[in-house]
């Protein structure tokens, strides 16, 4: 099956990144669907309490809700060392935009370090590192998000520190690790590698389920005869063949004679649904959100609701009590 991605879902992030285009997928500048209260309404995440020698020692939920949750991991061998891991909503994300988001984070950290005017700041190189592939990464090719990291050496509190940032996106959420150590206790390479290792281990274990308008069950309709392909098509497959498909956000268009063959029509619809879900974010039905919490894992639940009508949005909007570790 040859898939041609005609147009990507509108990409949206919460940090103001600029939209770009890449390869066969062109990102449109259309208004994105709202994340809070619409695109994602509920999220359930299970995350590991231990990753290698690093053990979760605390959890913090933030307001406003787009800041998500942070988990502090402490080194069981060296109790004076810890990393903070952040999990917060990203929305639909492809690598060209993620690269910009990551670089924006790097620039902000470097600027803060230089604004202290406490001494010279040495900035390392950003690098891409391997993590467990996300579902559908093969379909997206070069547009699949690649995890990135960087390290810098900076003055702080009358000493020099080595600090690392590692970051990726999984299931509509950013996952970010921050780690700082006094420079005389660790090398740049070691600090950066440790941050990458924690992020990679976390990504391999974490499970995130979302529901909301991000979930759409495709309807099957006949390809209109003699008409141009609609502009709303996200992707097409097998162009010109009998099993050709046009995939939009809520519909898969098949040839009329194929629709009459129920088994083949159902198979193609399932293939189209898988492609659509990769492009729009993996979401499930509300009744599929329940997951057993195995030993060694912890649960975080998010509910995104629009503020009450007439509210200025300043009131707390997250339901439920904060969940702590330990």
C-alpha atoms as a PDB file:
ATOM      1  CA  UNK A   1       0.000   0.000   0.000  1.00  0.00           C
ATOM      2  CA  UNK A   2       1.448   3.332  -1.078  1.00  0.00           C
ATOM      3  CA  UNK A   3       0.282   6.253   0.995  1.00  0.00           C
ATOM      4  CA  UNK A   4       0.543   9.831  -0.221  1.00  0.00           C
ATOM      5  CA  UNK A   5       0.026  12.342   2.532  1.00  0.00           C
ATOM      6  CA  UNK A   6      -1.639  15.282   0.851  1.00  0.00           C
ATOM      7  CA  UNK A   7      -1.979  17.589   3.787  1.00  0.00           C
ATOM      8  CA  UNK A   8      -1.283  17.420   7.465  1.00  0.00           C
ATOM      9  CA  UNK A   9      -3.557  18.108  10.344  1.00  0.00           C
ATOM     10  CA  UNK A  10      -3.246  21.686  11.549  1.00  0.00           C
ATOM     11  CA  UNK A  11      -0.392  21.590  14.034  1.00  0.00           C
ATOM     12  CA  UNK A  12      -0.884  23.357  17.314  1.00  0.00           C
ATOM     13  CA  UNK A  13       1.331  23.800  20.318  1.00  0.00           C
ATOM     14  CA  UNK A  14       0.995  25.764  23.522  1.00  0.00           C
ATOM     15  CA  UNK A  15       4.302  27.568  23.266  1.00  0.00           C
ATOM     16  CA  UNK A  16       3.836  29.640  20.125  1.00  0.00           C
ATOM     17  CA  UNK A  17       6.070  27.750  17.682  1.00  0.00           C
ATOM     18  CA  UNK A  18       5.990  28.723  14.017  1.00  0.00           C
ATOM     19  CA  UNK A  19       4.362  26.239  11.636  1.00  0.00           C
ATOM     20  CA  UNK A  20       6.584  24.828   8.851  1.00  0.00           C
ATOM     21  CA  UNK A  21       6.233  22.489   5.898  1.00  0.00           C
ATOM     22  CA  UNK A  22       8.363  19.443   5.106  1.00  0.00           C
ATOM     23  CA  UNK A  23       8.608  16.642   2.580  1.00  0.00           C
ATOM     24  CA  UNK A  24       5.374  15.332   1.142  1.00  0.00           C
ATOM     25  CA  UNK A  25       3.319  16.741   4.004  1.00  0.00           C
ATOM     26  CA  UNK A  26       2.401  20.422   3.898  1.00  0.00           C
ATOM     27  CA  UNK A  27       1.179  21.977   7.136  1.00  0.00           C
ATOM     28  CA  UNK A  28      -1.720  24.351   6.700  1.00  0.00           C
ATOM     29  CA  UNK A  29      -2.205  27.629   8.503  1.00  0.00           C
ATOM     30  CA  UNK A  30      -5.819  26.930   9.346  1.00  0.00           C
ATOM     31  CA  UNK A  31      -7.247  27.600  12.804  1.00  0.00           C
ATOM     32  CA  UNK A  32      -6.527  24.583  15.016  1.00  0.00           C
ATOM     33  CA  UNK A  33      -9.181  22.920  17.139  1.00  0.00           C
ATOM     34  CA  UNK A  34      -8.997  23.955  20.785  1.00  0.00           C
ATOM     35  CA  UNK A  35      -7.049  21.606  23.020  1.00  0.00           C
ATOM     36  CA  UNK A  36      -8.650  22.349  26.372  1.00  0.00           C
ATOM     37  CA  UNK A  37     -12.242  21.246  26.538  1.00  0.00           C
ATOM     38  CA  UNK A  38     -12.495  20.033  22.967  1.00  0.00           C
ATOM     39  CA  UNK A  39      -9.617  18.309  21.209  1.00  0.00           C
ATOM     40  CA  UNK A  40      -8.531  16.472  24.354  1.00  0.00           C
ATOM     41  CA  UNK A  41     -11.107  16.275  27.116  1.00  0.00           C
ATOM     42  CA  UNK A  42      -9.554  13.573  29.305  1.00  0.00           C
ATOM     43  CA  UNK A  43      -6.136  11.974  29.596  1.00  0.00           C
ATOM     44  CA  UNK A  44      -4.992   9.033  31.650  1.00  0.00           C
ATOM     45  CA  UNK A  45      -1.256   8.410  31.966  1.00  0.00           C
ATOM     46  CA  UNK A  46       0.563   5.555  33.677  1.00  0.00           C
ATOM     47  CA  UNK A  47       4.228   6.277  34.325  1.00  0.00           C
ATOM     48  CA  UNK A  48       7.078   4.242  35.882  1.00  0.00           C
ATOM     49  CA  UNK A  49       8.083   4.892  39.480  1.00  0.00           C
ATOM     50  CA  UNK A  50      11.582   3.668  38.701  1.00  0.00           C
ATOM     51  CA  UNK A  51      13.742   4.047  35.600  1.00  0.00           C
ATOM     52  CA  UNK A  52      17.076   2.318  36.011  1.00  0.00           C
ATOM     53  CA  UNK A  53      18.675   3.740  39.157  1.00  0.00           C
ATOM     54  CA  UNK A  54      16.297   6.696  39.235  1.00  0.00           C
ATOM     55  CA  UNK A  55      13.262   6.539  41.513  1.00  0.00           C
ATOM     56  CA  UNK A  56      10.245   8.870  41.639  1.00  0.00           C
ATOM     57  CA  UNK A  57      10.373  10.957  44.804  1.00  0.00           C
ATOM     58  CA  UNK A  58       7.624  13.554  44.246  1.00  0.00           C
ATOM     59  CA  UNK A  59       4.937  14.720  41.874  1.00  0.00           C
ATOM     60  CA  UNK A  60       3.507  18.189  41.278  1.00  0.00           C
ATOM     61  CA  UNK A  61       0.427  19.215  39.307  1.00  0.00           C
ATOM     62  CA  UNK A  62       0.464  22.748  37.900  1.00  0.00           C
ATOM     63  CA  UNK A  63      -2.048  25.461  37.221  1.00  0.00           C
ATOM     64  CA  UNK A  64      -2.736  26.571  34.552  1.00  0.00           C
ATOM     65  CA  UNK A  65      -3.571  23.119  33.318  1.00  0.00           C
ATOM     66  CA  UNK A  66      -1.531  23.348  30.102  1.00  0.00           C
ATOM     67  CA  UNK A  67       1.609  23.119  32.275  1.00  0.00           C
ATOM     68  CA  UNK A  68       0.710  19.544  33.188  1.00  0.00           C
ATOM     69  CA  UNK A  69       2.626  17.605  35.842  1.00  0.00           C
ATOM     70  CA  UNK A  70       6.246  17.216  36.900  1.00  0.00           C
ATOM     71  CA  UNK A  71       7.797  14.165  38.536  1.00  0.00           C
ATOM     72  CA  UNK A  72      11.095  14.370  40.431  1.00  0.00           C
ATOM     73  CA  UNK A  73      13.361  11.356  40.043  1.00  0.00           C
ATOM     74  CA  UNK A  74      16.164  10.819  42.553  1.00  0.00           C
ATOM     75  CA  UNK A  75      19.302   8.782  41.968  1.00  0.00           C
ATOM     76  CA  UNK A  76      19.220   5.837  44.389  1.00  0.00           C
ATOM     77  CA  UNK A  77      23.032   5.609  44.268  1.00  0.00           C
ATOM     78  CA  UNK A  78      23.655   9.341  44.729  1.00  0.00           C
ATOM     79  CA  UNK A  79      20.845  10.866  46.831  1.00  0.00           C
ATOM     80  CA  UNK A  80      22.120  14.408  46.150  1.00  0.00           C
ATOM     81  CA  UNK A  81      21.198  14.120  42.472  1.00  0.00           C
ATOM     82  CA  UNK A  82      17.765  14.372  40.906  1.00  0.00           C
ATOM     83  CA  UNK A  83      16.077  15.110  37.597  1.00  0.00           C
ATOM     84  CA  UNK A  84      12.717  16.743  36.970  1.00  0.00           C
ATOM     85  CA  UNK A  85      10.529  15.192  34.278  1.00  0.00           C
ATOM     86  CA  UNK A  86       7.624  17.201  32.866  1.00  0.00           C
ATOM     87  CA  UNK A  87       4.531  15.800  31.137  1.00  0.00           C
ATOM     88  CA  UNK A  88       2.252  18.399  29.522  1.00  0.00           C
ATOM     89  CA  UNK A  89      -0.048  18.626  26.482  1.00  0.00           C
ATOM     90  CA  UNK A  90       1.448  19.269  23.061  1.00  0.00           C
ATOM     91  CA  UNK A  91      -1.359  18.428  20.656  1.00  0.00           C
ATOM     92  CA  UNK A  92      -0.586  17.080  17.182  1.00  0.00           C
ATOM     93  CA  UNK A  93       3.126  17.470  16.516  1.00  0.00           C
ATOM     94  CA  UNK A  94       5.479  16.733  13.623  1.00  0.00           C
ATOM     95  CA  UNK A  95       9.257  16.971  13.745  1.00  0.00           C
ATOM     96  CA  UNK A  96       9.761  20.272  11.870  1.00  0.00           C
ATOM     97  CA  UNK A  97       7.649  22.089  14.452  1.00  0.00           C
ATOM     98  CA  UNK A  98       9.015  20.060  17.370  1.00  0.00           C
ATOM     99  CA  UNK A  99      12.555  21.047  16.344  1.00  0.00           C
ATOM    100  CA  UNK A 100      11.532  24.695  16.612  1.00  0.00           C
ATOM    101  CA  UNK A 101       9.839  24.140  19.973  1.00  0.00           C
ATOM    102  CA  UNK A 102      12.940  22.416  21.320  1.00  0.00           C
ATOM    103  CA  UNK A 103      15.237  25.167  20.041  1.00  0.00           C
ATOM    104  CA  UNK A 104      12.990  27.775  21.634  1.00  0.00           C
ATOM    105  CA  UNK A 105      13.397  25.973  24.963  1.00  0.00           C
ATOM    106  CA  UNK A 106      17.175  25.891  24.516  1.00  0.00           C
ATOM    107  CA  UNK A 107      17.276  29.600  23.676  1.00  0.00           C
ATOM    108  CA  UNK A 108      15.227  30.465  26.765  1.00  0.00           C
ATOM    109  CA  UNK A 109      17.509  28.467  29.075  1.00  0.00           C
ATOM    110  CA  UNK A 110      20.627  30.014  27.564  1.00  0.00           C
ATOM    111  CA  UNK A 111      19.174  33.519  27.802  1.00  0.00           C
ATOM    112  CA  UNK A 112      18.254  33.055  31.471  1.00  0.00           C
ATOM    113  CA  UNK A 113      21.777  31.822  32.204  1.00  0.00           C
ATOM    114  CA  UNK A 114      23.328  34.821  30.429  1.00  0.00           C
ATOM    115  CA  UNK A 115      20.971  37.308  32.065  1.00  0.00           C
ATOM    116  CA  UNK A 116      22.490  36.412  35.441  1.00  0.00           C
ATOM    117  CA  UNK A 117      25.739  38.010  34.235  1.00  0.00           C
ATOM    118  CA  UNK A 118      27.624  35.769  36.641  1.00  0.00           C
ATOM    119  CA  UNK A 119      30.179  34.545  34.106  1.00  0.00           C
ATOM    120  CA  UNK A 120      30.627  32.858  30.762  1.00  0.00           C
ATOM    121  CA  UNK A 121      27.993  30.399  29.530  1.00  0.00           C
ATOM    122  CA  UNK A 122      29.254  27.505  27.386  1.00  0.00           C
ATOM    123  CA  UNK A 123      26.549  26.083  25.124  1.00  0.00           C
ATOM    124  CA  UNK A 124      26.849  22.544  23.766  1.00  0.00           C
ATOM    125  CA  UNK A 125      25.478  21.046  20.581  1.00  0.00           C
ATOM    126  CA  UNK A 126      21.913  19.814  20.217  1.00  0.00           C
ATOM    127  CA  UNK A 127      21.790  16.150  19.327  1.00  0.00           C
ATOM    128  CA  UNK A 128      19.140  13.664  18.250  1.00  0.00           C
ATOM    129  CA  UNK A 129      18.948  10.375  20.146  1.00  0.00           C
ATOM    130  CA  UNK A 130      16.975   7.166  19.794  1.00  0.00           C
ATOM    131  CA  UNK A 131      13.885   6.266  21.806  1.00  0.00           C
ATOM    132  CA  UNK A 132      11.272   3.547  21.343  1.00  0.00           C
ATOM    133  CA  UNK A 133       9.423   4.477  18.112  1.00  0.00           C
ATOM    134  CA  UNK A 134       5.941   5.898  18.482  1.00  0.00           C
ATOM    135  CA  UNK A 135       3.046   4.086  16.831  1.00  0.00           C
ATOM    136  CA  UNK A 136       2.857   5.132  13.190  1.00  0.00           C
ATOM    137  CA  UNK A 137       6.384   6.561  13.063  1.00  0.00           C
ATOM    138  CA  UNK A 138       7.092   4.487   9.970  1.00  0.00           C
ATOM    139  CA  UNK A 139       4.188   6.095   8.118  1.00  0.00           C
ATOM    140  CA  UNK A 140       5.345   9.611   8.978  1.00  0.00           C
ATOM    141  CA  UNK A 141       8.959   8.968   7.970  1.00  0.00           C
ATOM    142  CA  UNK A 142      11.098  12.075   8.454  1.00  0.00           C
ATOM    143  CA  UNK A 143       8.120  13.910   9.954  1.00  0.00           C
ATOM    144  CA  UNK A 144       8.032  11.594  12.985  1.00  0.00           C
ATOM    145  CA  UNK A 145       9.215  13.425  16.116  1.00  0.00           C
ATOM    146  CA  UNK A 146      12.854  12.742  17.025  1.00  0.00           C
ATOM    147  CA  UNK A 147      13.978  13.085  20.643  1.00  0.00           C
ATOM    148  CA  UNK A 148      16.552  15.825  21.187  1.00  0.00           C
ATOM    149  CA  UNK A 149      18.913  16.905  23.941  1.00  0.00           C
ATOM    150  CA  UNK A 150      21.494  19.562  24.694  1.00  0.00           C
ATOM    151  CA  UNK A 151      23.798  20.549  27.565  1.00  0.00           C
ATOM    152  CA  UNK A 152      25.446  23.745  28.752  1.00  0.00           C
ATOM    153  CA  UNK A 153      27.954  24.825  31.365  1.00  0.00           C
ATOM    154  CA  UNK A 154      26.862  27.889  33.339  1.00  0.00           C
ATOM    155  CA  UNK A 155      27.643  29.858  36.510  1.00  0.00           C
ATOM    156  CA  UNK A 156      25.083  29.738  39.314  1.00  0.00           C
ATOM    157  CA  UNK A 157      25.205  30.227  43.099  1.00  0.00           C
ATOM    158  CA  UNK A 158      28.969  30.924  43.188  1.00  0.00           C
ATOM    159  CA  UNK A 159      29.703  27.682  41.347  1.00  0.00           C
ATOM    160  CA  UNK A 160      29.568  26.293  37.840  1.00  0.00           C
ATOM    161  CA  UNK A 161      26.874  23.823  36.836  1.00  0.00           C
ATOM    162  CA  UNK A 162      26.367  21.469  33.929  1.00  0.00           C
ATOM    163  CA  UNK A 163      22.730  21.406  32.858  1.00  0.00           C
ATOM    164  CA  UNK A 164      20.965  19.190  30.319  1.00  0.00           C
ATOM    165  CA  UNK A 165      17.601  19.262  28.577  1.00  0.00           C
ATOM    166  CA  UNK A 166      16.098  16.191  26.863  1.00  0.00           C
ATOM    167  CA  UNK A 167      12.697  16.256  25.192  1.00  0.00           C
ATOM    168  CA  UNK A 168      10.281  14.397  22.917  1.00  0.00           C
ATOM    169  CA  UNK A 169       6.538  14.031  22.196  1.00  0.00           C
ATOM    170  CA  UNK A 170       4.416  10.944  22.752  1.00  0.00           C
ATOM    171  CA  UNK A 171       0.644  10.535  22.354  1.00  0.00           C
ATOM    172  CA  UNK A 172      -0.136  14.287  22.173  1.00  0.00           C
ATOM    173  CA  UNK A 173       2.080  15.096  25.194  1.00  0.00           C
ATOM    174  CA  UNK A 174       5.495  16.678  25.585  1.00  0.00           C
ATOM    175  CA  UNK A 175       7.901  14.703  27.773  1.00  0.00           C
ATOM    176  CA  UNK A 176      10.830  16.814  29.003  1.00  0.00           C
ATOM    177  CA  UNK A 177      13.725  16.152  31.382  1.00  0.00           C
ATOM    178  CA  UNK A 178      15.815  18.825  33.122  1.00  0.00           C
ATOM    179  CA  UNK A 179      18.999  17.890  34.979  1.00  0.00           C
ATOM    180  CA  UNK A 180      21.711  20.040  36.609  1.00  0.00           C
ATOM    181  CA  UNK A 181      24.885  19.014  38.455  1.00  0.00           C
ATOM    182  CA  UNK A 182      27.873  20.964  39.762  1.00  0.00           C
ATOM    183  CA  UNK A 183      30.484  21.051  37.015  1.00  0.00           C
ATOM    184  CA  UNK A 184      33.253  19.595  39.152  1.00  0.00           C
ATOM    185  CA  UNK A 185      31.152  16.452  39.734  1.00  0.00           C
ATOM    186  CA  UNK A 186      30.233  15.494  36.179  1.00  0.00           C
ATOM    187  CA  UNK A 187      31.252  15.936  32.551  1.00  0.00           C
ATOM    188  CA  UNK A 188      28.994  17.519  29.940  1.00  0.00           C
ATOM    189  CA  UNK A 189      28.724  14.239  28.081  1.00  0.00           C
ATOM    190  CA  UNK A 190      27.749  12.340  31.220  1.00  0.00           C
ATOM    191  CA  UNK A 191      25.029  14.789  32.249  1.00  0.00           C
ATOM    192  CA  UNK A 192      23.509  14.854  28.769  1.00  0.00           C
ATOM    193  CA  UNK A 193      23.653  11.067  28.449  1.00  0.00           C
ATOM    194  CA  UNK A 194      21.967  10.562  31.838  1.00  0.00           C
ATOM    195  CA  UNK A 195      19.112  12.881  30.865  1.00  0.00           C
ATOM    196  CA  UNK A 196      18.692  10.986  27.581  1.00  0.00           C
ATOM    197  CA  UNK A 197      18.703   7.636  29.390  1.00  0.00           C
ATOM    198  CA  UNK A 198      15.982   8.712  31.831  1.00  0.00           C
ATOM    199  CA  UNK A 199      13.826  10.084  29.023  1.00  0.00           C
ATOM    200  CA  UNK A 200      14.299   6.956  26.906  1.00  0.00           C
ATOM    201  CA  UNK A 201      13.413   4.659  29.813  1.00  0.00           C
ATOM    202  CA  UNK A 202      10.369   6.744  30.697  1.00  0.00           C
ATOM    203  CA  UNK A 203       9.106   6.757  27.092  1.00  0.00           C
ATOM    204  CA  UNK A 204       9.522   2.981  26.867  1.00  0.00           C
ATOM    205  CA  UNK A 205       7.279   2.462  29.921  1.00  0.00           C
ATOM    206  CA  UNK A 206       4.765   5.325  29.954  1.00  0.00           C
ATOM    207  CA  UNK A 207       1.274   4.734  28.590  1.00  0.00           C
ATOM    208  CA  UNK A 208      -0.987   7.641  27.681  1.00  0.00           C
ATOM    209  CA  UNK A 209      -4.647   7.397  26.659  1.00  0.00           C
ATOM    210  CA  UNK A 210      -6.597  10.416  25.439  1.00  0.00           C
ATOM    211  CA  UNK A 211     -10.216  10.964  24.509  1.00  0.00           C
ATOM    212  CA  UNK A 212     -12.102  13.926  23.094  1.00  0.00           C
ATOM    213  CA  UNK A 213     -12.630  15.412  19.645  1.00  0.00           C
ATOM    214  CA  UNK A 214      -9.240  14.014  18.669  1.00  0.00           C
ATOM    215  CA  UNK A 215     -11.109  10.725  18.240  1.00  0.00           C
ATOM    216  CA  UNK A 216     -13.142  10.308  15.055  1.00  0.00           C
ATOM    217  CA  UNK A 217     -14.568   7.078  13.663  1.00  0.00           C
ATOM    218  CA  UNK A 218     -14.311   7.240   9.874  1.00  0.00           C
ATOM    219  CA  UNK A 219     -17.452   6.923   7.799  1.00  0.00           C
ATOM    220  CA  UNK A 220     -17.292   5.256   4.370  1.00  0.00           C
ATOM    221  CA  UNK A 221     -18.487   7.183   1.321  1.00  0.00           C
ATOM    222  CA  UNK A 222     -18.112   6.698  -2.424  1.00  0.00           C
ATOM    223  CA  UNK A 223     -15.463   8.623  -4.355  1.00  0.00           C
ATOM    224  CA  UNK A 224     -17.436  11.216  -6.340  1.00  0.00           C
ATOM    225  CA  UNK A 225     -17.224  10.500 -10.040  1.00  0.00           C
ATOM    226  CA  UNK A 226     -15.605  13.135 -12.219  1.00  0.00           C
ATOM    227  CA  UNK A 227     -14.847  15.458  -9.331  1.00  0.00           C
ATOM    228  CA  UNK A 228     -11.511  16.725  -8.075  1.00  0.00           C
ATOM    229  CA  UNK A 229     -10.180  15.363  -4.827  1.00  0.00           C
ATOM    230  CA  UNK A 230     -11.555  17.498  -1.949  1.00  0.00           C
ATOM    231  CA  UNK A 231      -9.169  19.934  -0.334  1.00  0.00           C
ATOM    232  CA  UNK A 232      -9.938  18.372   3.049  1.00  0.00           C
ATOM    233  CA  UNK A 233      -8.112  15.137   2.135  1.00  0.00           C
ATOM    234  CA  UNK A 234      -5.389  14.326   4.662  1.00  0.00           C
ATOM    235  CA  UNK A 235      -3.903  11.425   2.741  1.00  0.00           C
ATOM    236  CA  UNK A 236      -4.551   9.178  -0.221  1.00  0.00           C
ATOM    237  CA  UNK A 237      -3.446   5.630  -0.956  1.00  0.00           C
ATOM    238  CA  UNK A 238      -3.145   3.482  -4.064  1.00  0.00           C
ATOM    239  CA  UNK A 239      -3.934   6.393  -6.371  1.00  0.00           C
ATOM    240  CA  UNK A 240      -5.543   5.264  -9.626  1.00  0.00           C
ATOM    241  CA  UNK A 241      -6.055   1.690  -8.460  1.00  0.00           C
ATOM    242  CA  UNK A 242      -9.304  -0.047  -7.654  1.00  0.00           C
ATOM    243  CA  UNK A 243      -8.508   0.014  -3.925  1.00  0.00           C
ATOM    244  CA  UNK A 244      -7.790   3.759  -3.947  1.00  0.00           C
ATOM    245  CA  UNK A 245      -8.675   5.642  -0.753  1.00  0.00           C
ATOM    246  CA  UNK A 246      -9.098   9.329   0.032  1.00  0.00           C
ATOM    247  CA  UNK A 247      -8.893   9.980   3.765  1.00  0.00           C
ATOM    248  CA  UNK A 248     -10.311  13.071   5.455  1.00  0.00           C
ATOM    249  CA  UNK A 249     -10.727  13.830   9.135  1.00  0.00           C
ATOM    250  CA  UNK A 250     -14.018  11.959   9.420  1.00  0.00           C
ATOM    251  CA  UNK A 251     -14.489  10.050   6.140  1.00  0.00           C
ATOM    252  CA  UNK A 252     -12.731   7.540   3.911  1.00  0.00           C
ATOM    253  CA  UNK A 253     -13.741   7.679   0.252  1.00  0.00           C
ATOM    254  CA  UNK A 254     -13.641   4.378  -1.665  1.00  0.00           C
ATOM    255  CA  UNK A 255     -14.669   3.370  -5.136  1.00  0.00           C
ATOM    256  CA  UNK A 256     -18.357   2.450  -5.311  1.00  0.00           C
ATOM    257  CA  UNK A 257     -17.715  -1.102  -6.501  1.00  0.00           C
ATOM    258  CA  UNK A 258     -15.327  -1.667  -3.567  1.00  0.00           C
ATOM    259  CA  UNK A 259     -17.891  -0.452  -1.021  1.00  0.00           C
ATOM    260  CA  UNK A 260     -20.254  -3.159  -2.263  1.00  0.00           C
ATOM    261  CA  UNK A 261     -17.701  -5.809  -1.236  1.00  0.00           C
ATOM    262  CA  UNK A 262     -18.211  -5.595   2.524  1.00  0.00           C
ATOM    263  CA  UNK A 263     -15.128  -7.498   3.659  1.00  0.00           C
ATOM    264  CA  UNK A 264     -12.770  -5.468   1.468  1.00  0.00           C
ATOM    265  CA  UNK A 265     -14.514  -2.217   2.361  1.00  0.00           C
ATOM    266  CA  UNK A 266     -14.125  -2.987   6.084  1.00  0.00           C
ATOM    267  CA  UNK A 267     -10.429  -3.815   5.646  1.00  0.00           C
ATOM    268  CA  UNK A 268      -9.712  -0.584   3.790  1.00  0.00           C
ATOM    269  CA  UNK A 269     -11.698   1.441   6.318  1.00  0.00           C
ATOM    270  CA  UNK A 270      -9.548  -0.020   9.120  1.00  0.00           C
ATOM    271  CA  UNK A 271      -6.377   0.866   7.208  1.00  0.00           C
ATOM    272  CA  UNK A 272      -7.665   4.379   6.639  1.00  0.00           C
ATOM    273  CA  UNK A 273      -8.552   4.713  10.329  1.00  0.00           C
ATOM    274  CA  UNK A 274      -5.000   3.759  11.309  1.00  0.00           C
ATOM    275  CA  UNK A 275      -3.569   6.399   8.947  1.00  0.00           C
ATOM    276  CA  UNK A 276      -5.986   9.038  10.201  1.00  0.00           C
ATOM    277  CA  UNK A 277      -5.130   8.238  13.825  1.00  0.00           C
ATOM    278  CA  UNK A 278      -1.403   8.683  13.172  1.00  0.00           C
ATOM    279  CA  UNK A 279      -2.022  12.107  11.627  1.00  0.00           C
ATOM    280  CA  UNK A 280      -4.531  13.334  14.202  1.00  0.00           C
ATOM    281  CA  UNK A 281      -3.269  11.778  17.397  1.00  0.00           C
ATOM    282  CA  UNK A 282      -4.050   8.432  18.969  1.00  0.00           C
ATOM    283  CA  UNK A 283      -7.294   8.705  20.931  1.00  0.00           C
ATOM    284  CA  UNK A 284      -9.759   6.143  22.247  1.00  0.00           C
ATOM    285  CA  UNK A 285     -13.437   5.976  23.141  1.00  0.00           C
ATOM    286  CA  UNK A 286     -14.300   7.127  26.687  1.00  0.00           C
ATOM    287  CA  UNK A 287     -15.182   3.562  27.722  1.00  0.00           C
ATOM    288  CA  UNK A 288     -11.669   2.424  26.722  1.00  0.00           C
ATOM    289  CA  UNK A 289      -9.888   4.836  29.076  1.00  0.00           C
ATOM    290  CA  UNK A 290      -9.740   2.451  32.027  1.00  0.00           C
ATOM    291  CA  UNK A 291      -6.381   0.730  32.574  1.00  0.00           C
ATOM    292  CA  UNK A 292      -5.155  -1.469  35.391  1.00  0.00           C
ATOM    293  CA  UNK A 293      -2.276   0.117  37.311  1.00  0.00           C
ATOM    294  CA  UNK A 294       0.458  -2.523  37.649  1.00  0.00           C
ATOM    295  CA  UNK A 295       3.066  -2.590  40.393  1.00  0.00           C
ATOM    296  CA  UNK A 296       5.807  -0.074  39.802  1.00  0.00           C
ATOM    297  CA  UNK A 297       3.535   2.346  37.923  1.00  0.00           C
ATOM    298  CA  UNK A 298       1.615   5.437  38.969  1.00  0.00           C
ATOM    299  CA  UNK A 299      -1.480   7.048  37.483  1.00  0.00           C
ATOM    300  CA  UNK A 300      -2.094  10.674  36.544  1.00  0.00           C
ATOM    301  CA  UNK A 301      -5.506  11.822  35.320  1.00  0.00           C
ATOM    302  CA  UNK A 302      -6.205  15.086  33.532  1.00  0.00           C
ATOM    303  CA  UNK A 303      -9.593  16.590  32.736  1.00  0.00           C
ATOM    304  CA  UNK A 304      -9.641  19.545  30.373  1.00  0.00           C
ATOM    305  CA  UNK A 305     -12.818  21.577  30.583  1.00  0.00           C
ATOM    306  CA  UNK A 306     -13.550  25.078  29.399  1.00  0.00           C
ATOM    307  CA  UNK A 307     -14.165  27.575  32.229  1.00  0.00           C
ATOM    308  CA  UNK A 308     -17.840  28.190  33.147  1.00  0.00           C
ATOM    309  CA  UNK A 309     -19.670  30.656  30.930  1.00  0.00           C
ATOM    310  CA  UNK A 310     -18.991  34.179  32.113  1.00  0.00           C
ATOM    311  CA  UNK A 311     -15.801  33.189  33.943  1.00  0.00           C
ATOM    312  CA  UNK A 312     -12.551  35.024  33.229  1.00  0.00           C
ATOM    313  CA  UNK A 313     -10.758  31.679  33.329  1.00  0.00           C
ATOM    314  CA  UNK A 314      -8.793  32.466  36.483  1.00  0.00           C
ATOM    315  CA  UNK A 315     -10.550  29.878  38.667  1.00  0.00           C
ATOM    316  CA  UNK A 316      -8.960  26.439  39.052  1.00  0.00           C
ATOM    317  CA  UNK A 317     -10.137  24.177  36.246  1.00  0.00           C
ATOM    318  CA  UNK A 318      -8.640  20.808  37.069  1.00  0.00           C
ATOM    319  CA  UNK A 319     -10.921  18.379  38.793  1.00  0.00           C
ATOM    320  CA  UNK A 320      -9.799  15.943  41.433  1.00  0.00           C
ATOM    321  CA  UNK A 321      -7.153  16.154  44.079  1.00  0.00           C
ATOM    322  CA  UNK A 322      -3.460  16.311  43.437  1.00  0.00           C
ATOM    323  CA  UNK A 323      -1.796  12.902  43.405  1.00  0.00           C
ATOM    324  CA  UNK A 324       1.515  12.671  45.255  1.00  0.00           C
ATOM    325  CA  UNK A 325       4.289  10.136  45.256  1.00  0.00           C
ATOM    326  CA  UNK A 326       5.513   8.725  48.531  1.00  0.00           C
END
